[in-house]
Amino acid sequence: MGAFKQFNSQDIIISPFEVNKSFHFVGGDALTGSDVGIDRYLGESGDYLISGSDLTGNIEGQQIPKVLVYDSIKQLYYGNYISSSAGFVQNSATASLNIDGTYDGSKPFNNFDNFSQTTLWPNRDFPTSSLAPIGVISIPSKLFGDYIQPGSFSLKHNSSGSIKDDGEGRLLYAMRNDSTFEYMAGNIIYEHGIITLFASAVEGSTPEAVYGTAVYGTDIYGGDIIPTELFIDAFITSSEVTMSFSSSFDIYETQYKCTITEDEYNYSQNPTVLSGSEGFVYGFASSSYFDPYVTTIGLYNNSFDLVAVGKLAKPLPTSRTTDTTILVNIDR
C-alpha cells in the first residue's frame, strides 16, 4: 500500500555538479585500445584528387586521408588566422553596402568561429608550406566528457621531450631533461578533445617585442624553432609516448523535498495492522499514541508509474506536532 502526494515547483531543485577524472596512458597501444580510442594523425597540404589515397591514423580500419586532416583543421580552428601575423585574428575585410544592395570593396571573410580558448594572445599560427606537416591528436568525448580540464594535458616522448598546455589553449614544448617549457608547439581545443602540433617555426615578432611573442615580459611564447627535426613523427607516429589529462563532466543533481505535514500520514499503510479475519485495525494501531514509521519513499511520474525508490537507513517516525521533511537526491 502507499500514500501519494504531489510535488510543488519549490519542492524540486536541480543543481549542476562538475566531476573530474584523470587519465594516464603509457605507450601507443594503450592509446589505441578498444576501450580508449585516442588516435593520432598526420596532416599535409595537397590536392585530394592527387594524394587522397595517402592515409593516416594509428587505429586499424579508421585511417583517413592526410589532406583531409590538414584541410579540416585549417578550416575549423585556423580560418581567421591564416593571413595574420603572430597568431592573431586577421583584420576584417571592409565593404560598403550600396542602396541597390550591391557591395563596393571586399566582403567580410573572417567570420569563422575557430573556437578561441583564451582572451590573451591565441597564437594560432598555421603552417601553410607544403613542406610543413601537422600532427593531430583526437581524444574521444567518452573520455574527456564536456571538455579537457585546462592545464591538465601532458604528452611525453621518451627521447624527444615533453608537451603541456598552459591553460589558455596553447601547447608548450620542453626538450628532454629540461623543465623549461619555452617553445610553442601547437594548440589544444579543450571542448573538442583536439590537439594540434606543428614542427615549423612559430611566426611572430622577435623575443624582444613588447607584445606578441613576449607575454608578461618573458619569452615563454616566443618565436623560436622547436629544436628537433622529427618532432611530429616522435609524438604522432611513435609508440614511445605517455599521455595524461583530466576530463570534466557536468552531472545534474535533482533534489526532491518530500514534506509530511503534522496532520498527514498519521495512519500506518502497513497491512499487518489489520486483522486478517475481521479486517479491522488492531487496537495498538488505533491508539492516539501510535505514530507510524516511514521506511520507503517512492517517486512516481504523472501516470503513477514508479520510477525511483529510496530506502531509509532506519525507520523514521512521523510527528503529530511538527512537519517532517525527507530529501531525496538523484544524480543524472
Protein backbone atom coordinates (compact mmCIF):
# COMPACT_ATOMS: atom_id res chain seq x y z
CA MET A 1 0.00 0.00 0.00
CA GLY A 2 1.12 3.59 -0.43
CA ALA A 3 0.17 7.23 0.04
CA PHE A 4 0.64 9.76 -2.74
CA LYS A 5 1.42 13.45 -2.61
CA GLN A 6 2.01 15.88 -5.47
CA PHE A 7 5.27 17.86 -5.62
CA ASN A 8 5.15 21.63 -5.95
CA SER A 9 7.69 23.52 -8.04
CA GLN A 10 9.54 24.71 -4.94
CA ASP A 11 9.94 21.09 -3.82
CA ILE A 12 12.30 20.26 -6.72
CA ILE A 13 15.80 21.74 -7.03
CA ILE A 14 18.12 20.89 -9.94
CA SER A 15 21.79 21.75 -9.43
CA PRO A 16 24.75 21.16 -11.80
CA PHE A 17 27.74 19.39 -10.31
CA GLU A 18 31.11 19.16 -12.05
CA VAL A 19 33.06 15.92 -11.75
CA ASN A 20 36.58 15.20 -12.97
CA LYS A 21 38.56 12.10 -13.81
CA SER A 22 42.28 11.79 -14.52
CA PHE A 23 43.66 9.58 -17.29
CA HIS A 24 47.19 8.32 -17.78
CA PHE A 25 48.24 6.21 -20.78
CA VAL A 26 51.67 4.71 -21.35
CA GLY A 27 52.57 3.57 -24.87
CA GLY A 28 50.90 3.76 -28.24
CA ASP A 29 48.96 0.53 -27.71
CA ALA A 30 47.33 1.99 -24.59
CA LEU A 31 46.07 4.96 -26.63
CA THR A 32 44.50 2.85 -29.36
CA GLY A 33 42.88 0.25 -27.10
CA SER A 34 39.26 -0.62 -27.85
CA ASP A 35 38.10 1.00 -24.61
CA VAL A 36 40.17 4.17 -25.23
CA GLY A 37 40.25 5.09 -28.93
CA ILE A 38 42.71 8.01 -28.89
CA ASP A 39 44.02 8.38 -32.43
CA ARG A 40 46.91 10.40 -33.82
CA TYR A 41 47.06 11.74 -37.38
CA LEU A 42 49.50 13.37 -39.77
CA GLY A 43 48.19 16.18 -41.92
CA GLU A 44 49.66 17.53 -45.16
CA SER A 45 48.52 20.15 -47.63
CA GLY A 46 47.74 18.96 -51.13
CA ASP A 47 45.16 18.06 -53.73
CA TYR A 48 42.72 15.39 -52.64
CA LEU A 49 42.36 14.07 -56.20
CA ILE A 50 46.12 13.51 -56.32
CA SER A 51 47.04 12.43 -52.80
CA GLY A 52 43.70 11.41 -51.31
CA SER A 53 44.85 7.81 -51.03
CA ASP A 54 47.69 8.76 -48.64
CA LEU A 55 46.07 7.72 -45.37
CA THR A 56 46.94 8.39 -41.75
CA GLY A 57 45.82 7.14 -38.35
CA ASN A 58 47.03 4.61 -35.80
CA ILE A 59 43.78 2.70 -35.32
CA GLU A 60 43.33 -0.09 -37.85
CA GLY A 61 40.37 0.44 -40.15
CA GLN A 62 39.89 4.10 -39.21
CA GLN A 63 42.56 5.77 -41.35
CA ILE A 64 41.66 8.94 -43.24
CA PRO A 65 43.45 10.95 -45.98
CA LYS A 66 46.20 13.28 -44.75
CA VAL A 67 44.94 16.14 -46.92
CA LEU A 68 41.52 15.97 -45.27
CA VAL A 69 43.12 16.16 -41.84
CA TYR A 70 45.05 19.24 -42.89
CA ASP A 71 42.10 20.97 -44.56
CA SER A 72 39.67 20.20 -41.74
CA ILE A 73 41.95 21.50 -39.02
CA LYS A 74 42.76 24.59 -41.08
CA GLN A 75 39.10 25.49 -41.59
CA LEU A 76 37.79 24.59 -38.14
CA TYR A 77 40.44 26.19 -35.96
CA TYR A 78 42.66 28.49 -38.04
CA GLY A 79 40.50 30.09 -40.73
CA ASN A 80 40.53 33.51 -39.05
CA TYR A 81 44.30 33.50 -38.54
CA ILE A 82 45.78 32.40 -41.87
CA SER A 83 46.63 35.83 -43.30
CA SER A 84 47.55 37.45 -39.99
CA SER A 85 50.87 37.63 -38.18
CA ALA A 86 51.97 36.49 -34.70
CA GLY A 87 48.97 34.18 -34.42
CA PHE A 88 46.36 36.93 -34.01
CA VAL A 89 42.97 37.19 -35.71
CA GLN A 90 43.35 38.71 -39.16
CA ASN A 91 41.91 42.13 -39.88
CA SER A 92 38.33 42.15 -41.08
CA ALA A 93 37.80 42.97 -44.74
CA THR A 94 35.78 46.14 -45.26
CA ALA A 95 32.92 46.66 -47.66
CA SER A 96 30.34 49.34 -48.39
CA LEU A 97 26.72 48.44 -48.97
CA ASN A 98 25.03 50.38 -51.76
CA ILE A 99 21.37 51.35 -51.90
CA ASP A 100 20.73 48.78 -54.62
CA GLY A 101 22.09 46.01 -52.39
CA THR A 102 25.48 45.63 -54.10
CA TYR A 103 28.87 45.84 -52.41
CA ASP A 104 31.85 48.07 -53.05
CA GLY A 105 35.10 46.65 -51.78
CA SER A 106 35.80 43.29 -50.19
CA LYS A 107 33.21 41.31 -48.33
CA PRO A 108 34.00 40.24 -44.74
CA PHE A 109 35.59 36.82 -44.73
CA ASN A 110 36.95 36.14 -41.23
CA ASN A 111 33.64 35.08 -39.77
CA PHE A 112 34.60 31.55 -38.68
CA ASP A 113 34.15 30.57 -35.04
CA ASN A 114 37.54 28.81 -34.70
CA PHE A 115 36.73 28.08 -31.02
CA SER A 116 39.08 30.51 -29.30
CA GLN A 117 40.35 29.20 -25.95
CA THR A 118 41.65 32.44 -24.48
CA THR A 119 41.22 36.21 -24.39
CA LEU A 120 45.01 36.54 -24.39
CA TRP A 121 47.31 36.10 -27.36
CA PRO A 122 45.84 32.97 -29.01
CA ASN A 123 48.93 32.01 -31.05
CA ARG A 124 47.04 30.36 -33.88
CA ASP A 125 49.85 30.31 -36.44
CA PHE A 126 49.17 27.64 -39.02
CA PRO A 127 51.85 26.22 -41.36
CA THR A 128 50.84 26.78 -44.97
CA SER A 129 54.01 25.46 -46.58
CA SER A 130 53.69 22.11 -48.31
CA LEU A 131 56.86 21.00 -46.51
CA ALA A 132 55.42 21.63 -43.05
CA PRO A 133 53.26 18.73 -41.83
CA ILE A 134 50.90 18.99 -38.88
CA GLY A 135 50.11 16.50 -36.18
CA VAL A 136 46.62 15.98 -34.78
CA ILE A 137 45.54 14.02 -31.72
CA SER A 138 41.86 13.21 -31.32
CA ILE A 139 40.56 12.26 -27.87
CA PRO A 140 37.00 10.83 -27.91
CA SER A 141 34.30 12.56 -25.90
CA LYS A 142 33.64 9.39 -23.93
CA LEU A 143 36.93 10.14 -22.19
CA PHE A 144 37.03 13.93 -21.83
CA GLY A 145 33.31 14.43 -21.18
CA ASP A 146 32.35 18.07 -21.68
CA TYR A 147 35.92 19.30 -22.07
CA ILE A 148 39.53 18.61 -21.11
CA GLN A 149 40.48 20.38 -17.91
CA PRO A 150 42.71 23.36 -18.87
CA GLY A 151 46.25 22.89 -17.62
CA SER A 152 45.94 19.10 -17.32
CA PHE A 153 47.17 17.89 -20.71
CA SER A 154 50.64 16.36 -20.93
CA LEU A 155 52.35 14.44 -23.72
CA LYS A 156 55.82 12.96 -23.34
CA HIS A 157 58.19 11.13 -25.66
CA ASN A 158 60.99 9.04 -24.21
CA SER A 159 63.73 10.81 -26.12
CA SER A 160 62.21 13.91 -27.73
CA GLY A 161 60.85 15.83 -24.75
CA SER A 162 57.52 16.89 -23.28
CA ILE A 163 54.49 18.95 -24.24
CA LYS A 164 51.94 20.52 -21.92
CA ASP A 165 49.13 23.03 -22.23
CA ASP A 166 49.27 26.39 -20.49
CA GLY A 167 45.59 26.54 -19.57
CA GLU A 168 44.87 29.03 -22.39
CA GLY A 169 44.71 26.61 -25.31
CA ARG A 170 48.40 26.85 -26.20
CA LEU A 171 50.87 23.97 -26.15
CA LEU A 172 54.42 24.42 -24.90
CA TYR A 173 57.39 22.16 -25.56
CA ALA A 174 60.41 21.33 -23.40
CA MET A 175 63.41 19.34 -24.55
CA ARG A 176 64.32 16.09 -22.87
CA ASN A 177 65.64 16.52 -19.32
CA ASP A 178 64.62 20.18 -19.41
CA SER A 179 61.91 21.56 -17.13
CA THR A 180 61.59 24.84 -19.02
CA PHE A 181 58.67 24.89 -21.46
CA GLU A 182 59.63 27.69 -23.82
CA TYR A 183 58.72 26.64 -27.36
CA MET A 184 55.25 26.94 -28.89
CA ALA A 185 54.20 23.52 -30.13
CA GLY A 186 50.58 23.96 -31.21
CA ASN A 187 47.12 24.32 -29.73
CA ILE A 188 44.52 22.37 -27.81
CA ILE A 189 40.76 22.73 -28.22
CA TYR A 190 39.53 21.69 -24.79
CA GLU A 191 35.84 21.21 -25.62
CA HIS A 192 36.60 19.11 -28.72
CA GLY A 193 39.45 16.98 -27.41
CA ILE A 194 41.61 18.07 -30.36
CA ILE A 195 45.36 18.66 -30.07
CA THR A 196 47.32 20.17 -32.97
CA LEU A 197 51.11 20.03 -33.23
CA PHE A 198 53.37 22.00 -35.57
CA ALA A 199 57.04 21.36 -36.23
CA SER A 200 57.63 24.64 -38.08
CA ALA A 201 58.87 27.86 -36.50
CA VAL A 202 56.18 29.96 -34.89
CA GLU A 203 55.84 33.12 -36.90
CA GLY A 204 55.87 36.38 -34.98
CA SER A 205 57.99 39.16 -33.62
CA THR A 206 61.43 38.82 -32.11
CA PRO A 207 61.75 37.84 -28.43
CA GLU A 208 62.42 41.49 -27.58
CA ALA A 209 58.93 42.53 -28.65
CA VAL A 210 56.81 44.34 -26.11
CA TYR A 211 53.72 42.38 -27.10
CA GLY A 212 53.02 39.43 -29.35
CA THR A 213 55.76 36.93 -28.74
CA ALA A 214 56.83 38.33 -25.38
CA VAL A 215 53.98 37.66 -22.98
CA TYR A 216 54.14 39.16 -19.50
CA GLY A 217 57.75 40.18 -20.03
CA THR A 218 59.04 36.69 -20.76
CA ASP A 219 59.83 34.80 -23.92
CA ILE A 220 57.85 31.68 -23.00
CA TYR A 221 55.61 32.10 -26.03
CA GLY A 222 58.42 33.27 -28.29
CA GLY A 223 59.03 32.55 -31.96
CA ASP A 224 61.92 30.12 -31.74
CA ILE A 225 62.15 26.91 -33.74
CA ILE A 226 61.48 23.69 -31.88
CA PRO A 227 64.95 22.08 -31.80
CA THR A 228 64.15 18.69 -33.26
CA GLU A 229 63.80 17.56 -36.85
CA LEU A 230 61.50 14.65 -36.08
CA PHE A 231 59.16 16.49 -33.73
CA ILE A 232 55.89 15.48 -35.43
CA ASP A 233 56.91 11.86 -36.00
CA ALA A 234 58.07 11.49 -32.39
CA PHE A 235 54.74 12.47 -30.87
CA ILE A 236 52.33 11.29 -33.58
CA THR A 237 53.67 8.03 -35.01
CA SER A 238 55.95 6.71 -32.28
CA SER A 239 54.67 4.22 -29.71
CA GLU A 240 57.03 5.55 -27.05
CA VAL A 241 54.65 8.19 -25.75
CA THR A 242 52.92 8.88 -22.47
CA MET A 243 49.73 10.96 -22.29
CA SER A 244 47.88 12.41 -19.33
CA PHE A 245 44.84 14.66 -18.99
CA SER A 246 41.79 15.23 -16.82
CA SER A 247 38.21 15.20 -18.03
CA SER A 248 35.37 17.42 -16.93
CA PHE A 249 31.72 16.42 -16.96
CA ASP A 250 28.62 18.09 -15.55
CA ILE A 251 26.11 15.86 -13.87
CA TYR A 252 22.83 17.19 -12.56
CA GLU A 253 21.73 16.51 -9.03
CA THR A 254 17.97 16.69 -8.57
CA GLN A 255 16.78 17.13 -5.03
CA TYR A 256 13.18 16.24 -4.16
CA LYS A 257 11.87 17.74 -0.95
CA CYS A 258 9.32 15.30 0.45
CA THR A 259 7.46 17.09 3.24
CA ILE A 260 4.98 15.40 5.56
CA THR A 261 2.95 17.95 7.50
CA GLU A 262 1.90 17.31 11.07
CA ASP A 263 -1.61 16.29 10.04
CA GLU A 264 -0.61 13.92 7.22
CA TYR A 265 0.12 10.20 7.16
CA ASN A 266 -0.67 9.57 10.81
CA TYR A 267 -2.10 6.20 9.89
CA SER A 268 0.09 3.25 9.01
CA GLN A 269 -0.01 1.85 5.47
CA ASN A 270 1.38 -1.47 6.68
CA PRO A 271 -1.19 -4.25 6.09
CA THR A 272 -0.09 -6.03 9.28
CA VAL A 273 -2.07 -3.50 11.38
CA LEU A 274 -5.28 -5.05 10.00
CA SER A 275 -6.85 -8.18 11.30
CA GLY A 276 -6.67 -10.86 8.69
CA SER A 277 -10.05 -12.36 9.51
CA GLU A 278 -12.04 -9.33 10.65
CA GLY A 279 -10.43 -6.62 8.59
CA PHE A 280 -10.42 -4.10 11.41
CA VAL A 281 -7.48 -2.15 12.80
CA TYR A 282 -5.76 -3.62 15.79
CA GLY A 283 -6.08 -1.61 18.96
CA PHE A 284 -2.42 -0.74 19.26
CA ALA A 285 -2.57 0.97 15.84
CA SER A 286 -5.70 2.99 16.59
CA SER A 287 -4.37 4.48 19.79
CA SER A 288 -3.74 8.23 19.86
CA TYR A 289 -0.19 7.48 20.98
CA PHE A 290 0.57 5.37 17.92
CA ASP A 291 2.81 7.00 15.30
CA PRO A 292 3.69 5.20 12.06
CA TYR A 293 7.25 4.97 10.74
CA VAL A 294 8.40 5.81 7.23
CA THR A 295 10.68 3.19 5.68
CA THR A 296 10.46 3.80 1.92
CA ILE A 297 9.97 6.78 -0.41
CA GLY A 298 8.74 6.12 -3.95
CA LEU A 299 8.79 8.66 -6.77
CA TYR A 300 6.10 8.36 -9.44
CA ASN A 301 5.52 10.04 -12.78
CA ASN A 302 2.25 11.61 -13.90
CA SER A 303 0.96 8.18 -14.93
CA PHE A 304 1.59 6.82 -11.44
CA ASP A 305 4.41 4.62 -12.70
CA LEU A 306 7.06 4.01 -10.06
CA VAL A 307 10.33 5.46 -11.40
CA ALA A 308 12.56 5.58 -8.30
CA VAL A 309 12.65 4.03 -4.84
CA GLY A 310 14.53 5.37 -1.83
CA LYS A 311 15.09 3.22 1.25
CA LEU A 312 15.77 4.96 4.53
CA ALA A 313 18.71 3.74 6.59
CA LYS A 314 16.34 3.19 9.52
CA PRO A 315 12.60 3.68 10.05
CA LEU A 316 11.70 7.33 10.61
CA PRO A 317 8.75 8.15 12.91
CA THR A 318 6.32 10.82 11.73
CA SER A 319 5.34 13.65 14.04
CA ARG A 320 1.91 14.96 15.10
CA THR A 321 3.36 18.32 16.15
CA THR A 322 5.93 19.31 13.51
CA ASP A 323 6.49 18.80 9.79
CA THR A 324 8.83 16.03 8.66
CA THR A 325 10.99 16.59 5.58
CA ILE A 326 12.85 13.86 3.74
CA LEU A 327 15.33 14.91 1.00
CA VAL A 328 15.79 12.55 -1.95
CA ASN A 329 18.82 13.25 -4.19
CA ILE A 330 19.16 11.71 -7.63
CA ASP A 331 22.19 12.24 -9.90
CA ARG A 332 21.77 12.02 -13.67
